[in-house]
Amino acid sequence: MTGAASHRLGLIFDFDGTLVDTMPIHYEAYRRTFAEAGLELDPDDFYGNIGGKAAETIPRFLRGRSCPRSIPELHARKQVIAAELLRTETIPVLATAELLVAFRGALPIALASSGSRSGIDIVLDRLGWRECFDVIVTGQDAPRGKPAPDLFLLAAQRLELEPARCLVFEDTDDGVAAARAAGMAVFDVRAARAPSSLITGTGPR
């Protein structure tokens, strides 16, 4: 990479927990899915294991328990329930989303989430955010989820930037570890979060 492109800076944002707070919706979708299979999903099991791709996190949710449905079946059912909730429930927008307004058009911006494309697409369309991102990378686009660096490296590649020229915004230990493994600077939004940082129904348009 040569010329001005080698000196550009880029921003890469995680999604759930960084730009929006839809984790309670995803927990409810998984809770209902597990209940249909005759299993309980404790909040601690869910929130203590989020961050990776579904194929990686669902086995951790199960904790070795037998289940009448396969991992792909559980994920498919969860996606159906989550899609319904994401279309109807309020989507809380976090203060980090204001950076999309500040830097849109000034710097290349990517979204890199271990989440499913279908759910992310619903939220982006509801909030009118699709045009905020030059690149969108989801769990289906890389072989490994966070804490592996795959998603961030792919985002940088599609932005045509060196990893060292990217600043990542994250909210989980796995996400921070993934950014560091990719050789990127990372800002942990948890360090800056205050009670007033939850802005329901606002954000870039």
N, C-alpha and C. Protein backbone atom coordinates (compact mmCIF):
# COMPACT_ATOMS: atom_id res chain seq x y z
N MET A 1 0.85 -1.19 0.00
CA MET A 1 0.00 0.00 0.00
C MET A 1 0.89 1.24 0.00
N THR A 2 0.65 2.14 -0.93
CA THR A 2 1.52 3.30 -1.08
C THR A 2 0.72 4.57 -1.11
N GLY A 3 1.44 5.71 -1.06
CA GLY A 3 0.78 7.00 -1.22
C GLY A 3 -0.09 7.37 -0.05
N ALA A 4 -1.08 8.23 -0.35
CA ALA A 4 -1.94 8.75 0.72
C ALA A 4 -2.69 7.66 1.44
N ALA A 5 -3.05 6.57 0.72
CA ALA A 5 -3.82 5.51 1.35
C ALA A 5 -3.08 4.90 2.53
N SER A 6 -1.72 4.85 2.47
CA SER A 6 -0.96 4.24 3.55
C SER A 6 -0.98 5.09 4.81
N HIS A 7 -1.38 6.35 4.70
CA HIS A 7 -1.40 7.26 5.85
C HIS A 7 -2.81 7.49 6.39
N ARG A 8 -3.82 6.91 5.75
CA ARG A 8 -5.18 7.08 6.21
C ARG A 8 -5.40 6.36 7.53
N LEU A 9 -6.29 6.88 8.32
CA LEU A 9 -6.75 6.22 9.53
C LEU A 9 -8.15 5.69 9.30
N GLY A 10 -8.48 4.58 9.96
CA GLY A 10 -9.82 4.02 9.85
C GLY A 10 -10.38 3.67 11.21
N LEU A 11 -11.69 3.69 11.31
CA LEU A 11 -12.38 3.32 12.55
C LEU A 11 -13.15 2.03 12.33
N ILE A 12 -13.07 1.14 13.30
CA ILE A 12 -13.81 -0.12 13.26
C ILE A 12 -14.63 -0.23 14.54
N PHE A 13 -15.93 -0.41 14.38
CA PHE A 13 -16.84 -0.48 15.53
C PHE A 13 -17.41 -1.88 15.69
N ASP A 14 -17.37 -2.39 16.91
CA ASP A 14 -18.22 -3.51 17.29
C ASP A 14 -19.66 -3.00 17.26
N PHE A 15 -20.62 -3.89 17.39
CA PHE A 15 -22.03 -3.48 17.28
C PHE A 15 -22.74 -3.57 18.63
N ASP A 16 -23.15 -4.77 19.01
CA ASP A 16 -23.90 -4.94 20.26
C ASP A 16 -23.03 -4.58 21.45
N GLY A 17 -23.53 -3.68 22.28
CA GLY A 17 -22.81 -3.25 23.46
C GLY A 17 -21.89 -2.07 23.23
N THR A 18 -21.62 -1.76 21.96
CA THR A 18 -20.76 -0.63 21.61
C THR A 18 -21.57 0.49 20.98
N LEU A 19 -22.39 0.17 19.99
CA LEU A 19 -23.24 1.17 19.33
C LEU A 19 -24.69 1.07 19.78
N VAL A 20 -25.15 -0.14 20.03
CA VAL A 20 -26.53 -0.36 20.50
C VAL A 20 -26.51 -1.37 21.64
N ASP A 21 -27.55 -1.34 22.45
CA ASP A 21 -27.64 -2.28 23.57
C ASP A 21 -28.77 -3.27 23.29
N THR A 22 -28.52 -4.20 22.37
CA THR A 22 -29.53 -5.20 22.03
C THR A 22 -29.26 -6.54 22.71
N MET A 23 -28.26 -6.61 23.58
CA MET A 23 -27.96 -7.88 24.24
C MET A 23 -29.15 -8.42 25.04
N PRO A 24 -29.94 -7.58 25.73
CA PRO A 24 -31.12 -8.14 26.41
C PRO A 24 -32.09 -8.81 25.44
N ILE A 25 -32.19 -8.29 24.23
CA ILE A 25 -33.06 -8.91 23.22
C ILE A 25 -32.49 -10.26 22.81
N HIS A 26 -31.18 -10.32 22.59
CA HIS A 26 -30.57 -11.58 22.19
C HIS A 26 -30.64 -12.61 23.33
N TYR A 27 -30.51 -12.14 24.56
CA TYR A 27 -30.66 -13.08 25.69
C TYR A 27 -32.08 -13.64 25.72
N GLU A 28 -33.06 -12.79 25.55
CA GLU A 28 -34.45 -13.26 25.58
C GLU A 28 -34.71 -14.26 24.46
N ALA A 29 -34.13 -14.00 23.28
CA ALA A 29 -34.31 -14.93 22.16
C ALA A 29 -33.68 -16.28 22.48
N TYR A 30 -32.49 -16.27 23.04
CA TYR A 30 -31.85 -17.53 23.42
C TYR A 30 -32.60 -18.19 24.57
N ARG A 31 -33.08 -17.41 25.53
CA ARG A 31 -33.81 -17.99 26.66
C ARG A 31 -35.05 -18.74 26.18
N ARG A 32 -35.80 -18.14 25.26
CA ARG A 32 -36.99 -18.79 24.71
C ARG A 32 -36.61 -20.03 23.91
N THR A 33 -35.53 -19.95 23.16
CA THR A 33 -35.07 -21.08 22.37
C THR A 33 -34.71 -22.25 23.27
N PHE A 34 -33.98 -21.98 24.32
CA PHE A 34 -33.59 -23.04 25.25
C PHE A 34 -34.81 -23.59 25.97
N ALA A 35 -35.75 -22.72 26.33
CA ALA A 35 -36.96 -23.18 27.02
C ALA A 35 -37.76 -24.14 26.14
N GLU A 36 -37.82 -23.85 24.85
CA GLU A 36 -38.52 -24.74 23.93
C GLU A 36 -37.86 -26.12 23.88
N ALA A 37 -36.55 -26.15 24.14
CA ALA A 37 -35.81 -27.42 24.14
C ALA A 37 -35.78 -28.05 25.52
N GLY A 38 -36.50 -27.45 26.47
CA GLY A 38 -36.57 -28.00 27.82
C GLY A 38 -35.39 -27.66 28.69
N LEU A 39 -34.67 -26.59 28.35
CA LEU A 39 -33.49 -26.21 29.11
C LEU A 39 -33.61 -24.77 29.60
N GLU A 40 -32.96 -24.47 30.71
CA GLU A 40 -32.92 -23.12 31.23
C GLU A 40 -31.60 -22.47 30.82
N LEU A 41 -31.67 -21.20 30.44
CA LEU A 41 -30.46 -20.43 30.15
C LEU A 41 -30.34 -19.34 31.18
N ASP A 42 -29.38 -19.48 32.07
CA ASP A 42 -29.17 -18.50 33.13
C ASP A 42 -28.53 -17.24 32.55
N PRO A 43 -28.93 -16.05 33.02
CA PRO A 43 -28.31 -14.81 32.52
C PRO A 43 -26.80 -14.81 32.65
N ASP A 44 -26.27 -15.38 33.73
CA ASP A 44 -24.82 -15.41 33.92
C ASP A 44 -24.14 -16.26 32.85
N ASP A 45 -24.78 -17.38 32.48
CA ASP A 45 -24.23 -18.21 31.42
C ASP A 45 -24.20 -17.47 30.10
N PHE A 46 -25.24 -16.68 29.84
CA PHE A 46 -25.29 -15.94 28.58
C PHE A 46 -24.27 -14.80 28.58
N TYR A 47 -24.38 -13.90 29.55
CA TYR A 47 -23.53 -12.72 29.54
C TYR A 47 -22.06 -13.04 29.80
N GLY A 48 -21.80 -14.18 30.41
CA GLY A 48 -20.42 -14.56 30.65
C GLY A 48 -19.75 -15.22 29.46
N ASN A 49 -20.52 -15.48 28.39
CA ASN A 49 -19.97 -16.20 27.25
C ASN A 49 -20.22 -15.53 25.91
N ILE A 50 -20.78 -14.32 25.91
CA ILE A 50 -21.03 -13.65 24.65
C ILE A 50 -19.74 -13.11 24.06
N GLY A 51 -19.77 -12.82 22.76
CA GLY A 51 -18.61 -12.22 22.12
C GLY A 51 -18.16 -12.97 20.88
N GLY A 52 -18.33 -14.28 20.86
CA GLY A 52 -17.91 -15.07 19.71
C GLY A 52 -19.07 -15.38 18.79
N LYS A 53 -18.81 -16.21 17.80
CA LYS A 53 -19.85 -16.66 16.89
C LYS A 53 -20.77 -17.65 17.59
N ALA A 54 -21.99 -17.81 17.08
CA ALA A 54 -22.97 -18.68 17.72
C ALA A 54 -22.45 -20.12 17.85
N ALA A 55 -21.76 -20.60 16.83
CA ALA A 55 -21.25 -21.97 16.89
C ALA A 55 -20.23 -22.15 18.00
N GLU A 56 -19.65 -21.05 18.45
CA GLU A 56 -18.67 -21.09 19.53
C GLU A 56 -19.31 -20.85 20.89
N THR A 57 -20.33 -20.00 20.94
CA THR A 57 -20.91 -19.62 22.22
C THR A 57 -22.02 -20.56 22.69
N ILE A 58 -22.82 -21.10 21.77
CA ILE A 58 -23.93 -21.97 22.19
C ILE A 58 -23.43 -23.18 22.98
N PRO A 59 -22.35 -23.85 22.56
CA PRO A 59 -21.86 -24.96 23.41
C PRO A 59 -21.49 -24.51 24.82
N ARG A 60 -21.01 -23.28 24.96
CA ARG A 60 -20.69 -22.79 26.30
C ARG A 60 -21.97 -22.52 27.08
N PHE A 61 -23.03 -22.06 26.39
CA PHE A 61 -24.32 -21.87 27.07
C PHE A 61 -24.83 -23.21 27.60
N LEU A 62 -24.61 -24.28 26.85
CA LEU A 62 -25.14 -25.60 27.22
C LEU A 62 -24.43 -26.20 28.42
N ARG A 63 -23.16 -25.84 28.62
CA ARG A 63 -22.38 -26.35 29.75
C ARG A 63 -22.38 -27.87 29.82
N GLY A 64 -22.29 -28.52 28.65
CA GLY A 64 -22.22 -29.97 28.63
C GLY A 64 -23.55 -30.69 28.77
N ARG A 65 -24.64 -29.92 28.91
CA ARG A 65 -25.95 -30.55 29.04
C ARG A 65 -26.40 -31.13 27.71
N SER A 66 -27.11 -32.25 27.77
CA SER A 66 -27.67 -32.83 26.55
C SER A 66 -28.84 -31.99 26.09
N CYS A 67 -29.04 -31.95 24.77
CA CYS A 67 -30.10 -31.11 24.21
C CYS A 67 -30.71 -31.85 23.02
N PRO A 68 -32.04 -31.85 22.90
CA PRO A 68 -32.69 -32.55 21.78
C PRO A 68 -32.49 -31.87 20.43
N ARG A 69 -31.98 -30.64 20.44
CA ARG A 69 -31.72 -29.93 19.19
C ARG A 69 -30.23 -29.74 18.99
N SER A 70 -29.80 -29.76 17.74
CA SER A 70 -28.40 -29.55 17.42
C SER A 70 -28.04 -28.07 17.56
N ILE A 71 -26.75 -27.77 17.56
CA ILE A 71 -26.29 -26.38 17.63
C ILE A 71 -26.86 -25.57 16.47
N PRO A 72 -26.77 -26.05 15.22
CA PRO A 72 -27.37 -25.28 14.11
C PRO A 72 -28.87 -25.07 14.27
N GLU A 73 -29.57 -26.07 14.80
CA GLU A 73 -31.02 -25.93 15.00
C GLU A 73 -31.32 -24.88 16.06
N LEU A 74 -30.56 -24.89 17.15
CA LEU A 74 -30.75 -23.89 18.19
C LEU A 74 -30.50 -22.49 17.64
N HIS A 75 -29.44 -22.34 16.87
CA HIS A 75 -29.10 -21.04 16.32
C HIS A 75 -30.17 -20.57 15.34
N ALA A 76 -30.65 -21.46 14.49
CA ALA A 76 -31.67 -21.08 13.52
C ALA A 76 -32.95 -20.62 14.22
N ARG A 77 -33.36 -21.34 15.25
CA ARG A 77 -34.57 -20.96 15.98
C ARG A 77 -34.36 -19.63 16.70
N LYS A 78 -33.19 -19.45 17.30
CA LYS A 78 -32.89 -18.19 17.98
C LYS A 78 -32.96 -17.03 17.00
N GLN A 79 -32.46 -17.20 15.79
CA GLN A 79 -32.48 -16.12 14.80
C GLN A 79 -33.91 -15.72 14.46
N VAL A 80 -34.81 -16.69 14.37
CA VAL A 80 -36.21 -16.38 14.06
C VAL A 80 -36.82 -15.55 15.18
N ILE A 81 -36.61 -15.97 16.43
CA ILE A 81 -37.18 -15.25 17.57
C ILE A 81 -36.53 -13.86 17.69
N ALA A 82 -35.21 -13.80 17.53
CA ALA A 82 -34.52 -12.52 17.64
C ALA A 82 -34.98 -11.55 16.57
N ALA A 83 -35.20 -12.02 15.36
CA ALA A 83 -35.64 -11.14 14.27
C ALA A 83 -36.98 -10.50 14.61
N GLU A 84 -37.88 -11.28 15.18
CA GLU A 84 -39.19 -10.74 15.57
C GLU A 84 -39.03 -9.66 16.65
N LEU A 85 -38.19 -9.94 17.64
CA LEU A 85 -37.99 -8.97 18.72
C LEU A 85 -37.28 -7.72 18.23
N LEU A 86 -36.28 -7.89 17.36
CA LEU A 86 -35.53 -6.74 16.85
C LEU A 86 -36.40 -5.83 15.98
N ARG A 87 -37.42 -6.41 15.36
CA ARG A 87 -38.32 -5.60 14.54
C ARG A 87 -39.34 -4.83 15.37
N THR A 88 -39.58 -5.27 16.60
CA THR A 88 -40.68 -4.70 17.37
C THR A 88 -40.26 -3.99 18.66
N GLU A 89 -39.16 -4.42 19.25
CA GLU A 89 -38.75 -3.83 20.53
C GLU A 89 -37.95 -2.54 20.30
N THR A 90 -37.90 -1.71 21.33
CA THR A 90 -37.08 -0.50 21.28
C THR A 90 -35.60 -0.88 21.19
N ILE A 91 -34.87 -0.21 20.33
CA ILE A 91 -33.43 -0.44 20.18
C ILE A 91 -32.70 0.69 20.89
N PRO A 92 -32.15 0.45 22.07
CA PRO A 92 -31.40 1.50 22.77
C PRO A 92 -30.09 1.80 22.04
N VAL A 93 -29.84 3.08 21.79
CA VAL A 93 -28.63 3.53 21.10
C VAL A 93 -27.65 4.09 22.13
N LEU A 94 -26.39 3.67 22.04
CA LEU A 94 -25.38 4.09 23.00
C LEU A 94 -24.61 5.31 22.52
N ALA A 95 -23.98 6.00 23.45
CA ALA A 95 -23.33 7.27 23.15
C ALA A 95 -22.22 7.14 22.11
N THR A 96 -21.58 5.97 22.02
CA THR A 96 -20.52 5.78 21.03
C THR A 96 -21.03 6.02 19.62
N ALA A 97 -22.32 5.81 19.39
CA ALA A 97 -22.89 6.00 18.05
C ALA A 97 -22.77 7.43 17.56
N GLU A 98 -22.61 8.38 18.48
CA GLU A 98 -22.44 9.77 18.05
C GLU A 98 -21.16 9.95 17.24
N LEU A 99 -20.20 9.04 17.40
CA LEU A 99 -18.96 9.13 16.61
C LEU A 99 -19.23 8.85 15.13
N LEU A 100 -20.28 8.10 14.85
CA LEU A 100 -20.64 7.85 13.45
C LEU A 100 -21.01 9.16 12.77
N VAL A 101 -21.68 10.04 13.51
CA VAL A 101 -22.03 11.35 12.98
C VAL A 101 -20.79 12.19 12.79
N ALA A 102 -19.91 12.17 13.79
CA ALA A 102 -18.73 13.04 13.77
C ALA A 102 -17.75 12.70 12.65
N PHE A 103 -17.62 11.39 12.35
CA PHE A 103 -16.57 10.97 11.41
C PHE A 103 -17.10 10.46 10.07
N ARG A 104 -18.42 10.42 9.91
CA ARG A 104 -18.97 9.95 8.64
C ARG A 104 -18.50 10.85 7.50
N GLY A 105 -17.90 10.24 6.50
CA GLY A 105 -17.39 10.98 5.35
C GLY A 105 -16.00 11.53 5.54
N ALA A 106 -15.52 11.57 6.78
CA ALA A 106 -14.18 12.10 7.05
C ALA A 106 -13.15 10.99 7.14
N LEU A 107 -13.55 9.84 7.70
CA LEU A 107 -12.67 8.68 7.82
C LEU A 107 -13.41 7.44 7.34
N PRO A 108 -12.69 6.45 6.82
CA PRO A 108 -13.35 5.18 6.49
C PRO A 108 -13.80 4.49 7.76
N ILE A 109 -15.01 3.94 7.72
CA ILE A 109 -15.61 3.34 8.91
C ILE A 109 -16.10 1.94 8.58
N ALA A 110 -15.79 0.99 9.46
CA ALA A 110 -16.26 -0.39 9.31
C ALA A 110 -17.02 -0.83 10.55
N LEU A 111 -17.94 -1.74 10.34
CA LEU A 111 -18.63 -2.45 11.42
C LEU A 111 -18.11 -3.87 11.41
N ALA A 112 -17.67 -4.37 12.56
CA ALA A 112 -17.14 -5.73 12.66
C ALA A 112 -17.74 -6.40 13.89
N SER A 113 -18.68 -7.30 13.66
CA SER A 113 -19.42 -7.94 14.75
C SER A 113 -19.43 -9.44 14.55
N SER A 114 -19.34 -10.19 15.66
CA SER A 114 -19.48 -11.64 15.60
C SER A 114 -20.93 -12.06 15.41
N GLY A 115 -21.85 -11.10 15.48
CA GLY A 115 -23.26 -11.40 15.37
C GLY A 115 -23.67 -11.82 13.97
N SER A 116 -24.93 -12.25 13.85
CA SER A 116 -25.47 -12.71 12.57
C SER A 116 -25.85 -11.53 11.69
N ARG A 117 -25.60 -11.67 10.41
CA ARG A 117 -25.92 -10.61 9.45
C ARG A 117 -27.41 -10.26 9.48
N SER A 118 -28.28 -11.26 9.62
CA SER A 118 -29.71 -11.00 9.54
C SER A 118 -30.17 -10.04 10.63
N GLY A 119 -29.73 -10.28 11.87
CA GLY A 119 -30.13 -9.40 12.96
C GLY A 119 -29.54 -8.02 12.85
N ILE A 120 -28.28 -7.94 12.44
CA ILE A 120 -27.62 -6.64 12.26
C ILE A 120 -28.31 -5.84 11.18
N ASP A 121 -28.68 -6.50 10.09
CA ASP A 121 -29.37 -5.80 8.99
C ASP A 121 -30.69 -5.19 9.46
N ILE A 122 -31.42 -5.91 10.29
CA ILE A 122 -32.70 -5.38 10.79
C ILE A 122 -32.48 -4.10 11.57
N VAL A 123 -31.48 -4.11 12.46
CA VAL A 123 -31.22 -2.93 13.30
C VAL A 123 -30.69 -1.77 12.46
N LEU A 124 -29.79 -2.05 11.53
CA LEU A 124 -29.26 -0.98 10.68
C LEU A 124 -30.38 -0.32 9.88
N ASP A 125 -31.30 -1.11 9.37
CA ASP A 125 -32.41 -0.55 8.59
C ASP A 125 -33.37 0.24 9.48
N ARG A 126 -33.64 -0.28 10.68
CA ARG A 126 -34.54 0.44 11.59
C ARG A 126 -33.98 1.80 11.99
N LEU A 127 -32.66 1.86 12.21
CA LEU A 127 -32.04 3.09 12.68
C LEU A 127 -31.55 3.99 11.54
N GLY A 128 -31.62 3.50 10.31
CA GLY A 128 -31.15 4.29 9.17
C GLY A 128 -29.65 4.46 9.15
N TRP A 129 -28.91 3.43 9.58
CA TRP A 129 -27.47 3.54 9.73
C TRP A 129 -26.66 2.92 8.60
N ARG A 130 -27.29 2.26 7.66
CA ARG A 130 -26.53 1.47 6.69
C ARG A 130 -25.48 2.31 5.97
N GLU A 131 -25.82 3.55 5.64
CA GLU A 131 -24.90 4.40 4.89
C GLU A 131 -23.76 4.95 5.75
N CYS A 132 -23.80 4.69 7.06
CA CYS A 132 -22.72 5.16 7.93
C CYS A 132 -21.44 4.35 7.76
N PHE A 133 -21.57 3.14 7.18
CA PHE A 133 -20.43 2.23 7.14
C PHE A 133 -19.98 1.98 5.71
N ASP A 134 -18.66 2.06 5.52
CA ASP A 134 -18.07 1.71 4.23
C ASP A 134 -17.94 0.21 4.07
N VAL A 135 -17.81 -0.49 5.19
CA VAL A 135 -17.64 -1.95 5.21
C VAL A 135 -18.43 -2.51 6.37
N ILE A 136 -19.11 -3.64 6.15
CA ILE A 136 -19.82 -4.35 7.22
C ILE A 136 -19.37 -5.80 7.20
N VAL A 137 -18.81 -6.26 8.33
CA VAL A 137 -18.32 -7.63 8.46
C VAL A 137 -19.06 -8.27 9.63
N THR A 138 -19.61 -9.46 9.42
CA THR A 138 -20.35 -10.15 10.48
C THR A 138 -19.80 -11.55 10.69
N GLY A 139 -20.41 -12.27 11.62
CA GLY A 139 -19.92 -13.59 11.97
C GLY A 139 -19.86 -14.57 10.83
N GLN A 140 -20.69 -14.37 9.81
CA GLN A 140 -20.67 -15.28 8.67
C GLN A 140 -19.48 -15.06 7.74
N ASP A 141 -18.76 -13.96 7.93
CA ASP A 141 -17.72 -13.58 6.98
C ASP A 141 -16.33 -14.07 7.34
N ALA A 142 -16.15 -14.60 8.53
CA ALA A 142 -14.81 -15.02 8.98
C ALA A 142 -14.91 -16.38 9.65
N PRO A 143 -13.85 -17.18 9.57
CA PRO A 143 -13.92 -18.53 10.14
C PRO A 143 -14.00 -18.58 11.65
N ARG A 144 -13.44 -17.55 12.32
CA ARG A 144 -13.44 -17.54 13.78
C ARG A 144 -13.97 -16.21 14.30
N GLY A 145 -14.70 -16.30 15.40
CA GLY A 145 -15.16 -15.08 16.06
C GLY A 145 -14.14 -14.57 17.05
N LYS A 146 -14.45 -13.48 17.71
CA LYS A 146 -13.58 -12.92 18.73
C LYS A 146 -13.47 -13.91 19.90
N PRO A 147 -12.30 -14.07 20.52
CA PRO A 147 -11.13 -13.20 20.55
C PRO A 147 -10.13 -13.40 19.41
N ALA A 148 -10.43 -14.26 18.44
CA ALA A 148 -9.56 -14.35 17.27
C ALA A 148 -9.60 -13.03 16.50
N PRO A 149 -8.55 -12.65 15.82
CA PRO A 149 -8.50 -11.34 15.15
C PRO A 149 -9.15 -11.31 13.77
N ASP A 150 -9.72 -12.44 13.32
CA ASP A 150 -10.15 -12.59 11.93
C ASP A 150 -11.08 -11.48 11.45
N LEU A 151 -12.11 -11.15 12.25
CA LEU A 151 -13.09 -10.16 11.83
C LEU A 151 -12.46 -8.79 11.63
N PHE A 152 -11.60 -8.40 12.55
CA PHE A 152 -10.97 -7.09 12.44
C PHE A 152 -9.98 -7.04 11.28
N LEU A 153 -9.24 -8.11 11.07
CA LEU A 153 -8.31 -8.14 9.95
C LEU A 153 -9.04 -8.08 8.62
N LEU A 154 -10.18 -8.77 8.54
CA LEU A 154 -10.97 -8.73 7.31
C LEU A 154 -11.54 -7.33 7.08
N ALA A 155 -11.99 -6.68 8.15
CA ALA A 155 -12.51 -5.31 8.02
C ALA A 155 -11.43 -4.37 7.51
N ALA A 156 -10.22 -4.48 8.05
CA ALA A 156 -9.12 -3.63 7.60
C ALA A 156 -8.78 -3.90 6.14
N GLN A 157 -8.79 -5.17 5.78
CA GLN A 157 -8.50 -5.53 4.39
C GLN A 157 -9.52 -4.90 3.44
N ARG A 158 -10.80 -4.96 3.81
CA ARG A 158 -11.84 -4.42 2.95
C ARG A 158 -11.85 -2.89 2.95
N LEU A 159 -11.34 -2.30 4.02
CA LEU A 159 -11.16 -0.85 4.03
C LEU A 159 -9.90 -0.43 3.28
N GLU A 160 -9.08 -1.42 2.90
CA GLU A 160 -7.79 -1.18 2.24
C GLU A 160 -6.86 -0.38 3.15
N LEU A 161 -6.81 -0.81 4.41
CA LEU A 161 -5.95 -0.17 5.41
C LEU A 161 -5.08 -1.22 6.08
N GLU A 162 -3.88 -0.80 6.48
CA GLU A 162 -3.05 -1.65 7.32
C GLU A 162 -3.69 -1.73 8.71
N PRO A 163 -3.61 -2.89 9.37
CA PRO A 163 -4.19 -3.01 10.71
C PRO A 163 -3.72 -1.93 11.68
N ALA A 164 -2.46 -1.55 11.59
CA ALA A 164 -1.92 -0.55 12.51
C ALA A 164 -2.53 0.82 12.31
N ARG A 165 -3.24 1.03 11.20
CA ARG A 165 -3.88 2.32 10.91
C ARG A 165 -5.34 2.33 11.35
N CYS A 166 -5.76 1.31 12.11
CA CYS A 166 -7.17 1.19 12.51
C CYS A 166 -7.32 1.36 14.02
N LEU A 167 -8.38 2.05 14.40
CA LEU A 167 -8.77 2.19 15.81
C LEU A 167 -10.09 1.47 16.00
N VAL A 168 -10.11 0.53 16.94
CA VAL A 168 -11.28 -0.30 17.20
C VAL A 168 -12.00 0.20 18.45
N PHE A 169 -13.34 0.21 18.40
CA PHE A 169 -14.17 0.52 19.56
C PHE A 169 -14.88 -0.77 19.96
N GLU A 170 -14.65 -1.19 21.21
CA GLU A 170 -15.15 -2.47 21.70
C GLU A 170 -15.69 -2.36 23.12
N ASP A 171 -16.45 -3.40 23.52
CA ASP A 171 -17.02 -3.37 24.87
C ASP A 171 -16.86 -4.69 25.62
N THR A 172 -16.14 -5.65 25.06
CA THR A 172 -15.97 -6.93 25.75
C THR A 172 -14.49 -7.29 25.83
N ASP A 173 -14.16 -8.15 26.78
CA ASP A 173 -12.78 -8.61 26.90
C ASP A 173 -12.33 -9.34 25.63
N ASP A 174 -13.22 -10.18 25.07
CA ASP A 174 -12.87 -10.91 23.86
C ASP A 174 -12.65 -9.95 22.69
N GLY A 175 -13.47 -8.91 22.60
CA GLY A 175 -13.31 -7.94 21.53
C GLY A 175 -12.02 -7.15 21.64
N VAL A 176 -11.69 -6.74 22.85
CA VAL A 176 -10.44 -6.01 23.07
C VAL A 176 -9.25 -6.90 22.73
N ALA A 177 -9.33 -8.17 23.15
CA ALA A 177 -8.24 -9.11 22.85
C ALA A 177 -8.11 -9.33 21.35
N ALA A 178 -9.24 -9.40 20.64
CA ALA A 178 -9.21 -9.60 19.19
C ALA A 178 -8.56 -8.42 18.48
N ALA A 179 -8.89 -7.21 18.92
CA ALA A 179 -8.31 -6.02 18.31
C ALA A 179 -6.80 -5.98 18.53
N ARG A 180 -6.37 -6.28 19.74
CA ARG A 180 -4.94 -6.28 20.04
C ARG A 180 -4.22 -7.37 19.25
N ALA A 181 -4.86 -8.54 19.11
CA ALA A 181 -4.26 -9.62 18.33
C ALA A 181 -4.12 -9.24 16.86
N ALA A 182 -5.02 -8.36 16.39
CA ALA A 182 -4.96 -7.89 15.01
C ALA A 182 -3.92 -6.80 14.81
N GLY A 183 -3.31 -6.34 15.89
CA GLY A 183 -2.31 -5.28 15.80
C GLY A 183 -2.92 -3.90 15.68
N MET A 184 -4.11 -3.73 16.22
CA MET A 184 -4.84 -2.46 16.12
C MET A 184 -4.91 -1.77 17.47
N ALA A 185 -5.01 -0.45 17.45
CA ALA A 185 -5.32 0.29 18.67
C ALA A 185 -6.78 0.02 19.02
N VAL A 186 -7.09 0.03 20.31
CA VAL A 186 -8.46 -0.28 20.72
C VAL A 186 -8.88 0.65 21.86
N PHE A 187 -10.12 1.13 21.77
CA PHE A 187 -10.71 1.93 22.83
C PHE A 187 -11.82 1.11 23.46
N ASP A 188 -11.68 0.82 24.74
CA ASP A 188 -12.69 0.05 25.48
C ASP A 188 -13.75 1.02 25.95
N VAL A 189 -14.93 0.97 25.35
CA VAL A 189 -15.97 1.95 25.65
C VAL A 189 -16.49 1.81 27.07
N ARG A 190 -16.23 0.68 27.72
CA ARG A 190 -16.68 0.51 29.10
C ARG A 190 -15.99 1.50 30.03
N ALA A 191 -14.78 1.91 29.66
CA ALA A 191 -14.02 2.83 30.50
C ALA A 191 -14.62 4.22 30.50
N ALA A 192 -15.38 4.54 29.45
CA ALA A 192 -15.93 5.89 29.32
C ALA A 192 -17.42 5.94 29.58
N ARG A 193 -18.02 4.80 29.86
CA ARG A 193 -19.48 4.75 29.96
C ARG A 193 -19.94 5.31 31.30
N ALA A 194 -20.97 6.15 31.22
CA ALA A 194 -21.60 6.74 32.41
C ALA A 194 -23.09 6.48 32.32
N PRO A 195 -23.85 6.69 33.42
CA PRO A 195 -25.29 6.45 33.37
C PRO A 195 -25.99 7.23 32.25
N SER A 196 -25.48 8.40 31.88
CA SER A 196 -26.14 9.21 30.85
C SER A 196 -25.78 8.77 29.45
N SER A 197 -24.94 7.72 29.32
CA SER A 197 -24.45 7.33 28.00
C SER A 197 -25.46 6.53 27.20
N LEU A 198 -26.57 6.14 27.81
CA LEU A 198 -27.61 5.42 27.10
C LEU A 198 -28.60 6.42 26.53
N ILE A 199 -28.63 6.52 25.19
CA ILE A 199 -29.48 7.53 24.55
C ILE A 199 -30.53 6.78 23.75
N THR A 200 -31.68 6.57 24.30
CA THR A 200 -32.70 5.78 23.64
C THR A 200 -33.34 6.55 22.50
N GLY A 201 -33.36 5.90 21.32
CA GLY A 201 -34.07 6.48 20.19
C GLY A 201 -33.35 7.61 19.50
N THR A 202 -32.07 7.82 19.77
CA THR A 202 -31.34 8.87 19.08
C THR A 202 -30.14 8.28 18.39
N GLY A 203 -29.44 9.08 17.60
CA GLY A 203 -28.26 8.58 16.91
C GLY A 203 -28.23 9.13 15.50
N PRO A 204 -27.28 8.64 14.70
CA PRO A 204 -27.11 9.18 13.35
C PRO A 204 -28.29 8.87 12.45
N ARG A 205 -28.57 9.79 11.57
CA ARG A 205 -29.65 9.63 10.58
C ARG A 205 -29.11 9.97 9.21
